Protein backbone atom coordinates (compact mmCIF):
# COMPACT_ATOMS: atom_id res chain seq x y z
CA MET A 1 13.58 -15.95 -8.28
CA ASP A 2 11.92 -19.11 -8.73
CA VAL A 3 9.08 -20.60 -6.82
CA THR A 4 7.32 -23.93 -6.91
CA ILE A 5 3.50 -24.10 -6.24
CA THR A 6 3.07 -27.26 -4.21
CA ASN A 7 -0.93 -26.72 -3.19
CA SER A 8 -3.75 -24.34 -3.98
CA VAL A 9 -6.80 -24.22 -1.86
CA LEU A 10 -10.38 -22.41 -1.82
CA VAL A 11 -11.15 -21.01 1.58
CA ARG A 12 -14.96 -21.12 2.17
CA PRO A 13 -16.62 -20.04 4.96
CA ALA A 14 -17.26 -22.16 7.99
CA ARG A 15 -21.22 -21.34 8.03
CA ASP A 16 -23.24 -19.90 5.90
CA THR A 17 -23.02 -16.10 5.44
CA SER A 18 -25.40 -13.07 5.17
CA SER A 19 -26.49 -12.65 1.35
CA GLU A 20 -27.36 -9.23 2.11
CA GLU A 21 -26.23 -6.64 -0.02
CA ILE A 22 -23.82 -3.51 1.02
CA TRP A 23 -24.37 -0.20 -0.49
CA LEU A 24 -21.00 1.36 -1.35
CA SER A 25 -19.99 4.66 -1.25
CA ASN A 26 -18.61 6.92 -3.90
CA ALA A 27 -14.98 6.39 -2.02
CA ASP A 28 -15.33 2.59 -2.58
CA LEU A 29 -16.55 3.03 -6.20
CA ILE A 30 -13.21 4.65 -7.30
CA LEU A 31 -11.21 1.06 -7.52
CA THR A 32 -13.92 -1.14 -8.90
CA LYS A 33 -10.96 -3.34 -10.01
CA CYS A 34 -7.97 -3.07 -8.14
CA TYR A 35 -6.31 -5.15 -5.15
CA ALA A 36 -4.38 -3.93 -2.10
CA CYS A 37 -1.39 -6.21 -2.43
CA THR A 38 1.38 -6.49 0.65
CA THR A 39 4.14 -8.69 1.19
CA TYR A 40 5.01 -9.80 4.94
CA ILE A 41 8.49 -11.28 5.30
CA TYR A 42 9.33 -13.33 8.52
CA ARG A 43 12.07 -15.32 9.95
CA SER A 44 10.19 -18.67 10.22
CA ILE A 45 6.92 -20.48 9.76
CA GLU A 46 5.95 -24.02 9.38
CA GLU A 47 4.04 -26.00 6.72
CA PRO A 48 4.18 -23.49 3.39
CA ASP A 49 2.20 -23.82 0.38
CA ILE A 50 4.90 -22.65 -1.99
CA PHE A 51 8.62 -23.16 -1.79
CA THR A 52 11.72 -21.49 -3.10
CA ASP A 53 15.57 -22.67 -2.82
CA SER A 54 16.37 -18.88 -2.29
CA ASN A 55 17.29 -17.49 1.21
CA ILE A 56 15.78 -14.27 2.64
CA GLU A 57 19.38 -12.69 2.24
CA ASP A 58 19.09 -13.33 -1.29
CA LEU A 59 16.57 -10.57 -1.38
CA GLY A 60 18.88 -7.83 -0.37
CA ASP A 61 17.82 -4.61 1.16
CA PHE A 62 13.98 -5.60 -0.54
CA SER A 63 14.44 -2.64 -2.56
CA SER A 64 14.53 -4.67 -5.69
CA VAL A 65 10.80 -4.81 -7.00
CA SER A 66 11.53 -7.45 -9.53
CA LYS A 67 13.27 -10.17 -6.90
CA LEU A 68 9.91 -9.79 -4.65
CA SER A 69 7.28 -10.35 -7.59
CA SER A 70 7.51 -13.89 -7.63
CA LEU A 71 6.38 -13.64 -3.79
CA ALA A 72 3.32 -11.30 -4.54
CA ILE A 73 -0.22 -12.39 -6.04
CA THR A 74 -1.18 -11.60 -9.67
CA VAL A 75 -5.07 -10.95 -10.55
CA ASP A 76 -6.69 -11.11 -13.61
CA CYS A 77 -8.67 -8.13 -13.17
CA THR A 78 -10.23 -8.31 -16.73
CA GLN A 79 -13.09 -10.77 -15.42
CA SER A 80 -16.16 -9.36 -14.13
CA ILE A 81 -16.08 -7.83 -10.83
CA THR A 82 -18.51 -10.51 -9.66
CA SER A 83 -15.93 -13.30 -10.24
CA LEU A 84 -13.31 -11.64 -8.35
CA PRO A 85 -12.03 -12.96 -5.30
CA LEU A 86 -12.39 -10.63 -2.10
CA LEU A 87 -9.27 -12.28 -0.56
CA LEU A 88 -6.04 -14.03 -1.78
CA TYR A 89 -3.24 -15.04 0.30
CA GLN A 90 0.08 -16.68 -0.87
CA VAL A 91 2.60 -18.41 1.80
CA THR A 92 6.18 -18.94 0.30
CA LYS A 93 8.88 -20.74 2.43
CA PHE A 94 12.53 -20.09 2.08
CA ARG A 95 15.35 -22.60 2.13
CA CYS A 96 16.45 -20.73 5.22
CA GLY A 97 13.54 -21.44 7.07
CA GLY A 98 11.95 -17.90 6.50
CA VAL A 99 8.51 -17.34 4.94
CA ALA A 100 6.89 -14.69 2.90
CA ILE A 101 3.10 -13.81 2.89
CA GLY A 102 1.64 -12.18 0.01
CA VAL A 103 -1.81 -10.67 0.74
CA ALA A 104 -4.32 -9.18 -1.82
CA ILE A 105 -7.41 -7.91 -0.65
CA ASN A 106 -10.13 -6.44 -3.11
CA HIS A 107 -9.76 -2.73 -3.07
CA ILE A 108 -13.75 -2.24 -3.20
CA ILE A 109 -14.05 -3.54 0.17
CA ALA A 110 -10.98 -2.51 2.12
CA ASP A 111 -8.59 0.59 2.20
CA GLY A 112 -5.22 0.65 3.40
CA MET A 113 -6.21 1.20 7.03
CA SER A 114 -9.14 -1.55 6.95
CA SER A 115 -6.51 -4.00 5.24
CA LEU A 116 -4.07 -3.80 8.04
CA HIS A 117 -7.05 -4.27 10.55
CA PHE A 118 -7.98 -7.62 8.88
CA VAL A 119 -4.09 -8.73 8.52
CA ASN A 120 -3.72 -8.06 12.30
CA THR A 121 -6.95 -9.36 13.47
CA TRP A 122 -6.19 -12.74 11.34
CA CYS A 123 -2.84 -12.69 13.41
CA ASP A 124 -4.63 -12.48 16.64
CA LEU A 125 -6.76 -15.22 15.80
CA ALA A 126 -3.85 -17.07 14.95
CA HIS A 127 -2.42 -16.84 18.13
CA GLY A 128 -5.67 -17.51 20.22
CA LEU A 129 -6.68 -13.99 20.69
CA ASP A 130 -9.80 -12.41 20.78
CA VAL A 131 -10.88 -9.77 18.16
CA MET A 132 -9.95 -6.33 19.35
CA VAL A 133 -12.14 -4.41 17.04
CA HIS A 134 -14.89 -6.25 14.90
CA PRO A 135 -15.44 -4.40 11.44
CA TYR A 136 -18.15 -2.13 11.10
CA LEU A 137 -19.44 -2.80 7.46
CA ASP A 138 -22.66 -0.16 7.18
CA ARG A 139 -21.32 2.11 4.74
CA THR A 140 -24.63 4.15 4.31
CA LEU A 141 -22.93 6.63 7.00
CA LEU A 142 -21.35 8.23 3.95
CA GLN A 143 -24.28 8.12 1.64
CA ALA A 144 -24.72 11.41 0.13
CA ARG A 145 -28.11 13.16 -0.51
CA ASN A 146 -27.78 13.75 -4.21
CA ARG A 147 -25.08 11.28 -5.82
CA PRO A 148 -22.90 13.32 -8.08
CA GLU A 149 -22.16 12.23 -11.72
CA THR A 150 -19.67 13.75 -14.11
CA PHE A 151 -19.96 13.79 -17.66
CA PHE A 152 -16.30 14.67 -18.93
CA PRO A 153 -13.19 12.71 -19.05
CA HIS A 154 -10.76 13.02 -16.55
CA LEU A 155 -7.53 13.31 -18.55
CA ASP A 156 -5.22 13.21 -15.29
CA CYS A 157 -6.29 9.59 -14.87
CA ALA A 158 -5.34 8.53 -18.25
CA TYR A 159 -1.94 6.72 -17.89
CA LEU A 160 -0.07 6.53 -21.26
CA PHE A 161 3.35 5.82 -20.37
CA GLN A 162 5.22 2.79 -18.81
CA HIS A 163 5.79 3.65 -15.08
CA SER A 164 7.59 1.36 -12.51
CA LEU A 165 7.61 1.11 -8.72
CA LYS A 166 10.99 1.70 -6.87
CA ARG A 167 11.83 2.09 -2.98
CA PHE A 168 14.27 4.44 -1.73
CA ARG A 169 15.85 4.84 2.22
CA LEU A 170 16.32 8.22 3.78
CA THR A 171 18.06 7.76 7.09
CA LYS A 172 17.21 9.58 10.19
CA GLU A 173 20.50 11.86 9.59
CA GLN A 174 19.00 12.80 6.42
CA LEU A 175 15.32 13.63 7.54
CA ASN A 176 17.01 15.79 10.05
CA CYS A 177 18.98 17.58 7.48
CA LEU A 178 15.98 17.78 5.19
CA LYS A 179 13.93 19.46 7.82
CA GLU A 180 16.50 21.92 8.81
CA LYS A 181 16.86 22.86 5.11
CA ALA A 182 13.54 23.78 4.72
CA ARG A 183 13.37 25.85 7.98
CA GLU A 184 16.26 27.71 6.65
CA ASN A 185 14.15 28.64 3.54
CA SER A 186 11.37 29.62 5.56
CA SER A 187 10.18 32.03 8.46
CA LYS A 188 8.16 29.01 10.30
CA GLU A 189 10.12 27.88 13.07
CA ALA A 190 9.93 24.08 12.36
CA PHE A 191 8.45 21.55 10.06
CA THR A 192 7.14 18.00 10.60
CA THR A 193 9.12 15.16 8.87
CA PHE A 194 5.87 14.39 6.87
CA ILE A 195 5.56 17.80 5.56
CA ALA A 196 9.22 18.70 4.67
CA LEU A 197 9.46 14.94 3.13
CA SER A 198 5.94 15.10 1.28
CA ALA A 199 6.95 18.68 -0.17
CA HIS A 200 10.36 17.28 -1.12
CA ILE A 201 9.08 14.36 -2.96
CA TRP A 202 6.34 16.54 -4.76
CA LYS A 203 9.24 18.78 -5.71
CA CYS A 204 11.54 15.86 -7.14
CA ALA A 205 8.54 14.41 -9.23
CA CYS A 206 7.86 17.92 -10.71
CA ILE A 207 11.28 18.46 -11.43
CA SER A 208 11.95 15.12 -13.04
CA GLY A 209 8.93 15.34 -15.32
CA ASN A 210 10.42 18.64 -16.79
CA LEU A 211 7.33 20.46 -16.29
CA LEU A 212 7.25 24.33 -17.03
CA LYS A 213 7.47 26.76 -14.31
CA GLN A 214 4.01 27.96 -14.56
CA GLN A 215 2.41 24.75 -15.06
CA GLU A 216 -0.07 23.58 -12.17
CA THR A 217 0.22 20.44 -10.52
CA LYS A 218 -1.73 18.58 -7.76
CA LEU A 219 -0.77 16.90 -4.92
CA TYR A 220 -3.64 14.44 -3.34
CA ILE A 221 -2.96 12.95 -0.07
CA PRO A 222 -5.03 10.16 1.25
CA ILE A 223 -5.60 10.55 5.07
CA ASN A 224 -7.90 8.28 7.70
CA GLY A 225 -10.86 10.54 7.94
CA ARG A 226 -12.70 8.39 10.16
CA GLU A 227 -12.25 10.62 13.29
CA ARG A 228 -12.38 13.72 10.96
CA VAL A 229 -16.08 13.60 9.56
CA HIS A 230 -19.47 14.54 11.68
CA PRO A 231 -20.74 12.46 13.11
CA VAL A 232 -17.28 10.42 13.57
CA LEU A 233 -17.32 6.85 12.10
CA PRO A 234 -17.47 4.04 14.52
CA CYS A 235 -14.27 2.22 15.60
CA GLY A 236 -13.71 -0.65 13.16
CA TYR A 237 -15.20 1.35 10.16
CA PHE A 238 -14.36 -1.31 7.19
CA ALA A 239 -14.39 0.28 3.96
CA ASN A 240 -12.06 3.15 2.04
CA PHE A 241 -12.07 6.07 2.54
CA GLY A 242 1.48 -14.17 13.27
CA GLN A 243 5.00 -14.33 13.71
CA GLY A 244 5.72 -11.34 15.64
CA LYS A 245 6.86 -8.12 13.95
CA PRO A 246 7.65 -8.46 10.15
CA LEU A 247 11.24 -8.42 8.74
CA PHE A 248 9.60 -6.60 5.93
CA MET A 249 6.27 -5.22 4.63
CA GLY A 250 5.57 -3.21 1.33
CA VAL A 251 3.38 -2.80 -1.71
CA GLN A 252 3.91 -5.47 -4.42
CA LYS A 253 1.89 -3.83 -7.07
CA ASN A 254 2.65 -0.88 -9.53
CA ALA A 255 0.18 2.02 -8.34
CA PRO A 256 -0.58 4.48 -11.22
CA GLU A 257 1.94 6.89 -11.80
CA GLY A 258 2.62 9.57 -9.10
CA TYR A 259 1.40 7.20 -6.16
CA CYS A 260 4.02 7.37 -3.28
CA PHE A 261 3.82 5.48 0.06
CA ILE A 262 6.14 6.64 3.03
CA LYS A 263 6.68 4.02 5.84
CA PRO A 264 8.95 3.40 8.53
CA ASN A 265 12.23 1.23 8.19
CA SER A 266 11.43 -2.20 9.94
CA GLU A 267 14.80 -1.66 11.85
CA ASP A 268 13.13 1.24 13.93
CA ASP A 269 16.48 3.13 13.23
CA GLY A 270 14.15 6.41 12.50
CA SER A 271 14.69 6.13 8.87
CA LEU A 272 12.22 6.29 6.41
CA ILE A 273 11.21 3.79 3.07
CA ILE A 274 9.65 5.72 0.18
CA GLU A 275 7.79 3.49 -2.60
CA MET A 276 7.54 5.72 -5.59
CA THR A 277 5.62 5.04 -8.91
CA LEU A 278 6.72 7.06 -11.87
CA ARG A 279 7.21 6.83 -15.46
CA SER A 280 10.21 4.60 -15.95
CA ASP A 281 12.00 7.13 -17.97
CA ARG A 282 11.69 9.58 -15.09
CA MET A 283 12.77 7.25 -12.23
CA ASP A 284 16.55 7.89 -12.52
CA ARG A 285 16.46 11.70 -12.38
CA PHE A 286 13.91 11.28 -9.30
CA ARG A 287 16.33 9.27 -7.23
CA LYS A 288 19.12 11.49 -7.79
CA LEU A 289 16.92 14.66 -6.73
CA LEU A 290 15.65 12.84 -3.81
CA TYR A 291 19.05 12.80 -2.12
CA GLN A 292 19.88 16.21 -3.11
CA PHE A 293 18.94 18.42 -0.17
């Protein structure tokens, strides 16, 4: 999809901001040169900055990452961290009147929950509404007494192969079938959709990688821990750890191999969208295994 950039603007604060340094927790320092990139697609909007001759319908079911790549923001993360912008956004208008908004938030200042908090608050302000929850920026609540250090290489974080991002859809009927299959093979009466689907994705990823039966694997699940720590973090804790409802919302940047995002389908039909990043030579087998219950 070809787009034409018609305008680029640097947005500065309306008034001077505080120059006080903000302490970063270990969780913030994990992703020092990375952006949380998402794209929101709507039916109509006015006065965009970037134009394309395509229609929303040309994107199909939004499963093609290559078609959506021109709607996302690319950031050169080889620069010094002090020169990297905190936030970038790109507005693209379609010939049919629809619009796509690509958002990239520096991951060192916001995780997924905080990013959505920012976007939702941005939409409220654009509609003339008040800020529902103000961001809480004091991160010393997670400050450790003794900051740990590691002195050995983490080989599990070394990515040596080309990987790609693919989207898959599981209908409500398929999810119910998966949960029923899990119940048949266990003494437990029922499983939640998240547990059944997470286990199935993990199993498919392991099989597609031709792992040995005795080979150990690790499943890492980020959670919203704001209400799980003691004391509980305040509402609006901002860190890591518009036009009505979007027609589409999804990740627009390849995450490291093995990253998986599960989100509800925008049609509210009970189906779920799986965004999976795997080695490119394993993706086809993963897709086949995913739909085998």
